[in-house]
């Protein structure tokens, strides 16, 4: 593997890397490598897998998620009379 140094990273970019590191649960170095690989198309992503909506995954507020879960559980109940 090649070792590289990046000089003169502005504060806003450094902050975004720090935020992404926390989001991914990775070190800053691993986060930077992931961002580079993903943006250059050299990452280990599965062929044909799209990442267009990653920023929306997990974005449902807790209260809405609980209401959705309750609604989905109600849909699991089978009305035996309707099927006889």
Foldseek 3Di string as FASTA:
>chain_A
DDDDDDPDDDPVRVVVLVVVCVVVVHDSVVSVVVVVCVVVVNDPDDPPDDCVCVVVVVVDDPVRVVVVVVVVVVVVDDDVVVVD
